[in-house]
Amino acid sequence: MKILPALAISLAAAATAIGAGPPAHQWEIGPIIRGKSYSVNMPLRPQPTSQGWSFEFPSNSKRDGHVHYVSFDPGSLDGAREIRVRYRVDARRGTRFVPQQFPDRPATVSLYFQRAGDNWTAKGRYAMYRWYAPSPTVQNIAPGVHEMTVRLDDPRWGAVVGGIKANDRPREFRDALANADKIGLVFGSTGGRGHGVYATGPARFELLDFRIR
């Protein structure tokens, strides 16, 4: 049963009011589709830290693994205005971050959310169940501390099927927000937002702050 929107908003706001959103054990590294994790050789949960959580990027080569999605269930996002994220990347000098699908492109991290009941086919109504943050908010993965803020009323949010924007399908976009059961970070590249990233040497991602307002 879905939580009533007003209650879900209050729960989501409470969970993300301070620090890196809910605790590490409520985040999932995946996606997990029909029992299979597409984040190859990654643990199911990130490791808790004093400020939030962290994970080590799979390193050396594509066959050693790659990280795709890290998400949690926020309840309904109906009425939420924006997402603010702060994170740190640590890596040995000379380490490169490589998208496993498009290794010639820069590796990126960005935001997404997902409607409950998605079957991951991106066909029919499911073509509007996953939404990815506007292209200008996508960040190349690089060492250092970084921040991103994304408005949830930005009409440039894109559906999983390329070319469909929130302003093209406003009802479906609003329905996805109201019935969300996943929100988080995706690792990949342009043209493959959540299709996975690995590093060529030891590297660590730490979430410092994740707020839904």
Protein backbone atom coordinates (compact mmCIF):
# COMPACT_ATOMS: atom_id res chain seq x y z
CA MET A 1 0.00 0.00 0.00
CA LYS A 2 1.35 3.45 -0.90
CA ILE A 3 1.86 5.91 1.94
CA LEU A 4 -0.49 8.90 1.76
CA PRO A 5 1.34 11.74 -0.04
CA ALA A 6 1.27 14.21 2.87
CA LEU A 7 2.65 11.61 5.28
CA ALA A 8 5.23 10.40 2.77
CA ILE A 9 6.50 13.95 2.25
CA SER A 10 6.91 14.46 5.99
CA LEU A 11 8.75 11.14 6.34
CA ALA A 12 11.03 11.91 3.39
CA ALA A 13 11.73 15.40 4.72
CA ALA A 14 12.56 14.02 8.15
CA ALA A 15 14.84 11.37 6.67
CA THR A 16 16.80 13.86 4.58
CA ALA A 17 16.74 16.93 6.80
CA ILE A 18 20.23 16.37 8.21
CA GLY A 19 23.25 14.64 6.74
CA ALA A 20 23.36 12.15 3.90
CA GLY A 21 19.72 11.16 3.86
CA PRO A 22 18.78 7.83 5.47
CA PRO A 23 21.50 5.61 6.97
CA ALA A 24 23.70 3.48 4.75
CA HIS A 25 21.71 0.29 5.31
CA GLN A 26 18.66 1.89 3.66
CA TRP A 27 20.56 2.60 0.44
CA GLU A 28 20.88 -0.09 -2.24
CA ILE A 29 23.64 -0.52 -4.80
CA GLY A 30 22.15 -1.95 -7.98
CA PRO A 31 19.85 -1.94 -9.73
CA ILE A 32 18.58 -5.35 -8.68
CA ILE A 33 16.43 -6.69 -11.52
CA ARG A 34 14.83 -10.12 -11.20
CA GLY A 35 17.32 -10.99 -8.49
CA LYS A 36 20.41 -9.91 -10.43
CA SER A 37 22.58 -6.92 -9.47
CA TYR A 38 23.82 -4.93 -12.42
CA SER A 39 26.49 -3.31 -10.24
CA VAL A 40 28.85 -6.20 -10.86
CA ASN A 41 31.10 -7.16 -7.92
CA MET A 42 29.65 -4.42 -5.72
CA PRO A 43 28.17 -4.97 -2.23
CA LEU A 44 24.42 -4.54 -1.78
CA ARG A 45 24.89 -1.60 0.62
CA PRO A 46 27.43 1.21 0.92
CA GLN A 47 29.57 1.47 4.04
CA PRO A 48 28.50 3.92 6.77
CA THR A 49 30.81 6.84 7.51
CA SER A 50 30.73 9.63 10.11
CA GLN A 51 28.89 11.90 7.65
CA GLY A 52 27.02 9.52 5.39
CA TRP A 53 28.26 6.52 3.45
CA SER A 54 30.91 5.45 0.96
CA PHE A 55 31.92 2.74 -1.50
CA GLU A 56 35.09 1.77 -3.33
CA PHE A 57 34.92 1.91 -7.11
CA PRO A 58 35.70 -1.42 -8.79
CA SER A 59 39.18 -0.97 -10.22
CA ASN A 60 41.55 -2.13 -12.92
CA SER A 61 39.16 -3.21 -15.70
CA LYS A 62 35.53 -3.67 -16.73
CA ARG A 63 35.59 -7.39 -15.93
CA ASP A 64 36.43 -6.56 -12.30
CA GLY A 65 33.08 -4.81 -11.87
CA HIS A 66 31.29 -1.46 -12.16
CA VAL A 67 28.86 0.63 -10.11
CA HIS A 68 25.54 1.73 -11.65
CA TYR A 69 22.80 2.93 -9.25
CA VAL A 70 22.83 3.83 -5.55
CA SER A 71 19.31 4.62 -4.33
CA PHE A 72 16.78 4.55 -1.49
CA ASP A 73 13.00 4.73 -1.14
CA PRO A 74 11.94 8.31 -0.30
CA GLY A 75 8.18 7.71 -0.40
CA SER A 76 6.14 10.13 -2.47
CA LEU A 77 7.97 13.16 -3.89
CA ASP A 78 4.73 15.03 -4.47
CA GLY A 79 5.31 18.61 -3.28
CA ALA A 80 9.12 18.31 -3.05
CA ARG A 81 10.97 21.18 -4.73
CA GLU A 82 14.60 20.21 -5.12
CA ILE A 83 17.41 17.81 -4.34
CA ARG A 84 20.75 18.97 -2.96
CA VAL A 85 23.76 16.66 -2.91
CA ARG A 86 27.32 17.01 -1.64
CA TYR A 87 29.91 14.28 -2.16
CA ARG A 88 33.64 13.62 -2.24
CA VAL A 89 35.74 11.51 -4.59
CA ASP A 90 39.18 10.32 -3.48
CA ALA A 91 41.55 8.70 -5.97
CA ARG A 92 45.22 8.03 -6.44
CA ARG A 93 46.98 10.44 -8.83
CA GLY A 94 46.55 9.32 -12.43
CA THR A 95 43.44 7.23 -11.77
CA ARG A 96 40.82 7.47 -14.52
CA PHE A 97 37.08 6.84 -14.20
CA VAL A 98 35.75 4.81 -17.11
CA PRO A 99 32.15 4.20 -18.26
CA GLN A 100 31.81 0.48 -18.89
CA GLN A 101 29.52 0.97 -21.92
CA PHE A 102 31.19 3.99 -23.54
CA PRO A 103 34.82 3.92 -22.35
CA ASP A 104 35.81 6.75 -24.70
CA ARG A 105 33.48 9.22 -22.93
CA PRO A 106 33.92 10.98 -19.56
CA ALA A 107 32.47 9.09 -16.60
CA THR A 108 29.57 10.92 -14.94
CA VAL A 109 27.41 11.00 -11.83
CA SER A 110 23.89 12.42 -11.79
CA LEU A 111 20.49 12.11 -10.12
CA TYR A 112 17.42 10.07 -10.98
CA PHE A 113 14.12 8.94 -9.49
CA GLN A 114 11.84 6.03 -10.31
CA ARG A 115 8.14 5.31 -10.05
CA ALA A 116 7.01 2.29 -8.03
CA GLY A 117 6.16 -0.77 -10.12
CA ASP A 118 8.72 -0.19 -12.87
CA ASN A 119 9.48 -3.41 -14.76
CA TRP A 120 12.70 -2.02 -16.30
CA THR A 121 11.60 -2.63 -19.90
CA ALA A 122 11.19 1.09 -20.76
CA LYS A 123 8.28 0.04 -22.98
CA GLY A 124 4.70 1.29 -23.04
CA ARG A 125 3.79 3.16 -19.86
CA TYR A 126 7.12 2.10 -18.33
CA ALA A 127 8.88 4.48 -20.73
CA MET A 128 7.90 7.23 -18.26
CA TYR A 129 8.68 5.42 -14.99
CA ARG A 130 12.35 6.44 -14.70
CA TRP A 131 13.43 10.08 -14.92
CA TYR A 132 16.98 11.44 -15.11
CA ALA A 133 18.14 14.89 -14.04
CA PRO A 134 18.59 17.65 -16.66
CA SER A 135 21.78 17.36 -18.70
CA PRO A 136 23.33 20.61 -17.36
CA THR A 137 23.34 19.11 -13.85
CA VAL A 138 25.34 16.01 -14.82
CA GLN A 139 28.88 16.08 -13.39
CA ASN A 140 32.06 14.41 -14.58
CA ILE A 141 33.55 12.20 -11.88
CA ALA A 142 36.74 13.76 -10.56
CA PRO A 143 38.63 13.90 -7.25
CA GLY A 144 37.52 16.53 -4.76
CA VAL A 145 34.37 17.72 -3.02
CA HIS A 146 31.44 18.51 -5.30
CA GLU A 147 27.88 19.76 -4.97
CA MET A 148 24.80 19.59 -7.18
CA THR A 149 21.33 21.08 -6.82
CA VAL A 150 18.49 19.95 -9.08
CA ARG A 151 15.01 21.44 -9.14
CA LEU A 152 12.20 18.89 -9.33
CA ASP A 153 10.08 21.35 -11.33
CA ASP A 154 12.74 21.69 -14.05
CA PRO A 155 11.01 20.78 -17.34
CA ARG A 156 14.23 19.28 -18.71
CA TRP A 157 14.12 16.09 -16.63
CA GLY A 158 14.37 13.27 -19.17
CA ALA A 159 12.52 9.96 -19.29
CA VAL A 160 14.37 6.68 -19.69
CA VAL A 161 13.33 6.72 -23.36
CA GLY A 162 15.53 9.34 -24.99
CA GLY A 163 13.98 12.55 -26.27
CA ILE A 164 11.03 12.64 -23.85
CA LYS A 165 11.20 15.54 -21.40
CA ALA A 166 9.06 16.38 -18.40
CA ASN A 167 7.40 19.26 -20.27
CA ASP A 168 6.41 16.82 -23.05
CA ARG A 169 4.62 14.49 -20.61
CA PRO A 170 3.76 16.60 -17.55
CA ARG A 171 1.07 14.24 -16.25
CA GLU A 172 3.33 11.17 -16.41
CA PHE A 173 6.15 13.16 -14.77
CA ARG A 174 3.87 14.29 -11.92
CA ASP A 175 2.55 10.74 -11.49
CA ALA A 176 6.10 9.41 -11.23
CA LEU A 177 6.94 11.98 -8.54
CA ALA A 178 3.78 11.23 -6.59
CA ASN A 179 4.39 7.47 -6.71
CA ALA A 180 8.19 7.37 -6.42
CA ASP A 181 9.89 4.51 -4.61
CA LYS A 182 13.51 5.11 -5.63
CA ILE A 183 15.75 8.16 -5.76
CA GLY A 184 19.50 8.44 -5.86
CA LEU A 185 22.70 8.64 -7.87
CA VAL A 186 23.51 7.02 -11.19
CA PHE A 187 26.99 6.40 -12.59
CA GLY A 188 27.70 6.17 -16.30
CA SER A 189 28.19 8.63 -19.15
CA THR A 190 26.28 10.74 -21.64
CA GLY A 191 24.04 8.35 -23.51
CA GLY A 192 24.20 5.82 -20.68
CA ARG A 193 23.52 7.62 -17.41
CA GLY A 194 23.27 4.55 -15.18
CA HIS A 195 25.24 2.08 -17.26
CA GLY A 196 28.16 1.74 -14.88
CA VAL A 197 31.60 3.14 -14.03
CA TYR A 198 34.86 1.61 -12.85
CA ALA A 199 38.23 3.16 -11.97
CA THR A 200 41.70 2.33 -13.23
CA GLY A 201 43.11 2.49 -9.69
CA PRO A 202 42.00 2.73 -6.05
CA ALA A 203 39.16 5.26 -5.75
CA ARG A 204 36.42 6.01 -3.25
CA PHE A 205 33.06 7.81 -3.44
CA GLU A 206 31.63 9.30 -0.23
CA LEU A 207 28.20 10.87 0.09
CA LEU A 208 28.36 13.81 2.50
CA ASP A 209 24.88 15.27 2.21
CA PHE A 210 21.63 14.37 0.44
CA ARG A 211 18.59 16.58 1.03
CA ILE A 212 15.12 16.60 -0.46
CA ARG A 213 13.38 19.92 0.17
